[in-house]
PDB file of N, CA and C in Angstrom:
ATOM      1  N   UNK A   1      79.092  59.829 107.524  1.00  0.00           N
ATOM      2  CA  UNK A   1      80.311  60.050 107.387  1.00  0.00           C
ATOM      3  C   UNK A   1      81.807  58.960 108.183  1.00  0.00           C
ATOM      4  N   UNK A   2      83.180  58.802 106.891  1.00  0.00           N
ATOM      5  CA  UNK A   2      83.827  58.415 107.388  1.00  0.00           C
ATOM      6  C   UNK A   2      84.822  58.626 108.521  1.00  0.00           C
ATOM      7  N   UNK A   3      85.964  57.984 109.281  1.00  0.00           N
ATOM      8  CA  UNK A   3      86.706  58.766 110.235  1.00  0.00           C
ATOM      9  C   UNK A   3      87.708  59.375 109.154  1.00  0.00           C
ATOM     10  N   UNK A   4      88.352  59.461 107.756  1.00  0.00           N
ATOM     11  CA  UNK A   4      88.833  60.299 107.199  1.00  0.00           C
ATOM     12  C   UNK A   4      88.251  61.517 107.307  1.00  0.00           C
ATOM     13  N   UNK A   5      86.906  61.324 106.563  1.00  0.00           N
ATOM     14  CA  UNK A   5      86.215  62.778 106.184  1.00  0.00           C
ATOM     15  C   UNK A   5      86.206  63.211 107.718  1.00  0.00           C
ATOM     16  N   UNK A   6      85.832  63.071 108.447  1.00  0.00           N
ATOM     17  CA  UNK A   6      86.085  63.748 109.726  1.00  0.00           C
ATOM     18  C   UNK A   6      87.141  63.996 110.418  1.00  0.00           C
ATOM     19  N   UNK A   7      88.482  63.852 109.761  1.00  0.00           N
ATOM     20  CA  UNK A   7      89.781  64.150 110.325  1.00  0.00           C
ATOM     21  C   UNK A   7      90.287  65.331 109.554  1.00  0.00           C
ATOM     22  N   UNK A   8      89.791  65.477 107.914  1.00  0.00           N
ATOM     23  CA  UNK A   8      89.918  66.322 107.098  1.00  0.00           C
ATOM     24  C   UNK A   8      89.129  67.276 107.146  1.00  0.00           C
ATOM     25  N   UNK A   9      87.652  67.184 107.566  1.00  0.00           N
ATOM     26  CA  UNK A   9      86.819  68.607 108.139  1.00  0.00           C
ATOM     27  C   UNK A   9      88.154  68.951 109.336  1.00  0.00           C
ATOM     28  N   UNK A  10      87.925  68.444 110.187  1.00  0.00           N
ATOM     29  CA  UNK A  10      88.374  68.921 111.611  1.00  0.00           C
ATOM     30  C   UNK A  10      89.991  69.475 111.753  1.00  0.00           C
ATOM     31  N   UNK A  11      90.550  69.033 110.526  1.00  0.00           N
ATOM     32  CA  UNK A  11      92.042  69.778 109.612  1.00  0.00           C
ATOM     33  C   UNK A  11      91.726  71.070 109.612  1.00  0.00           C
ATOM     34  N   UNK A  12      90.791  70.873 108.485  1.00  0.00           N
ATOM     35  CA  UNK A  12      89.923  72.719 107.461  1.00  0.00           C
ATOM     36  C   UNK A  12      89.367  72.824 108.783  1.00  0.00           C
ATOM     37  N   UNK A  13      89.028  73.186 109.231  1.00  0.00           N
ATOM     38  CA  UNK A  13      88.636  73.661 110.420  1.00  0.00           C
ATOM     39  C   UNK A  13      89.913  74.459 111.109  1.00  0.00           C
ATOM     40  N   UNK A  14      90.515  73.803 111.266  1.00  0.00           N
ATOM     41  CA  UNK A  14      91.898  73.840 112.490  1.00  0.00           C
ATOM     42  C   UNK A  14      92.256  74.834 111.442  1.00  0.00           C
ATOM     43  N   UNK A  15      92.745  75.101 110.712  1.00  0.00           N
ATOM     44  CA  UNK A  15      93.208  75.699 109.150  1.00  0.00           C
ATOM     45  C   UNK A  15      93.385  77.225 109.346  1.00  0.00           C
ATOM     46  N   UNK A  16      91.040  77.244 109.072  1.00  0.00           N
ATOM     47  CA  UNK A  16      90.412  78.071 109.296  1.00  0.00           C
ATOM     48  C   UNK A  16      90.613  78.962 109.939  1.00  0.00           C
ATOM     49  N   UNK A  17      90.521  78.114 111.502  1.00  0.00           N
ATOM     50  CA  UNK A  17      90.961  79.013 112.204  1.00  0.00           C
ATOM     51  C   UNK A  17      91.938  79.775 112.667  1.00  0.00           C
ATOM     52  N   UNK A  18      93.145  78.759 112.337  1.00  0.00           N
ATOM     53  CA  UNK A  18      94.332  79.330 112.324  1.00  0.00           C
ATOM     54  C   UNK A  18      94.475  80.456 111.363  1.00  0.00           C
ATOM     55  N   UNK A  19      93.334  80.430 110.150  1.00  0.00           N
ATOM     56  CA  UNK A  19      93.740  81.290 109.255  1.00  0.00           C
ATOM     57  C   UNK A  19      93.564  83.868 109.910  1.00  0.00           C
ATOM     58  N   UNK A  20      92.444  82.742 110.457  1.00  0.00           N
ATOM     59  CA  UNK A  20      91.724  83.672 111.032  1.00  0.00           C
ATOM     60  C   UNK A  20      91.443  84.425 112.429  1.00  0.00           C
ATOM     61  N   UNK A  21      92.235  83.432 112.816  1.00  0.00           N
ATOM     62  CA  UNK A  21      92.901  84.642 114.679  1.00  0.00           C
ATOM     63  C   UNK A  21      94.076  84.934 113.844  1.00  0.00           C
ATOM     64  N   UNK A  22      93.946  86.091 115.194  1.00  0.00           N
ATOM     65  CA  UNK A  22      95.306  87.707 114.043  1.00  0.00           C
ATOM     66  C   UNK A  22      96.950  87.175 115.391  1.00  0.00           C
ATOM     67  N   UNK A  23      97.640  86.702 114.221  1.00  0.00           N
ATOM     68  CA  UNK A  23      99.284  86.057 114.784  1.00  0.00           C
ATOM     69  C   UNK A  23      98.508  84.615 114.788  1.00  0.00           C
TER      70      UNK A  23
END
């Protein structure tokens, strides 16, 4: 995986966590 891919996955994971977590 390239650094760009790792960063993209991390950002997507962060967005998912924010969306799932209440408030």
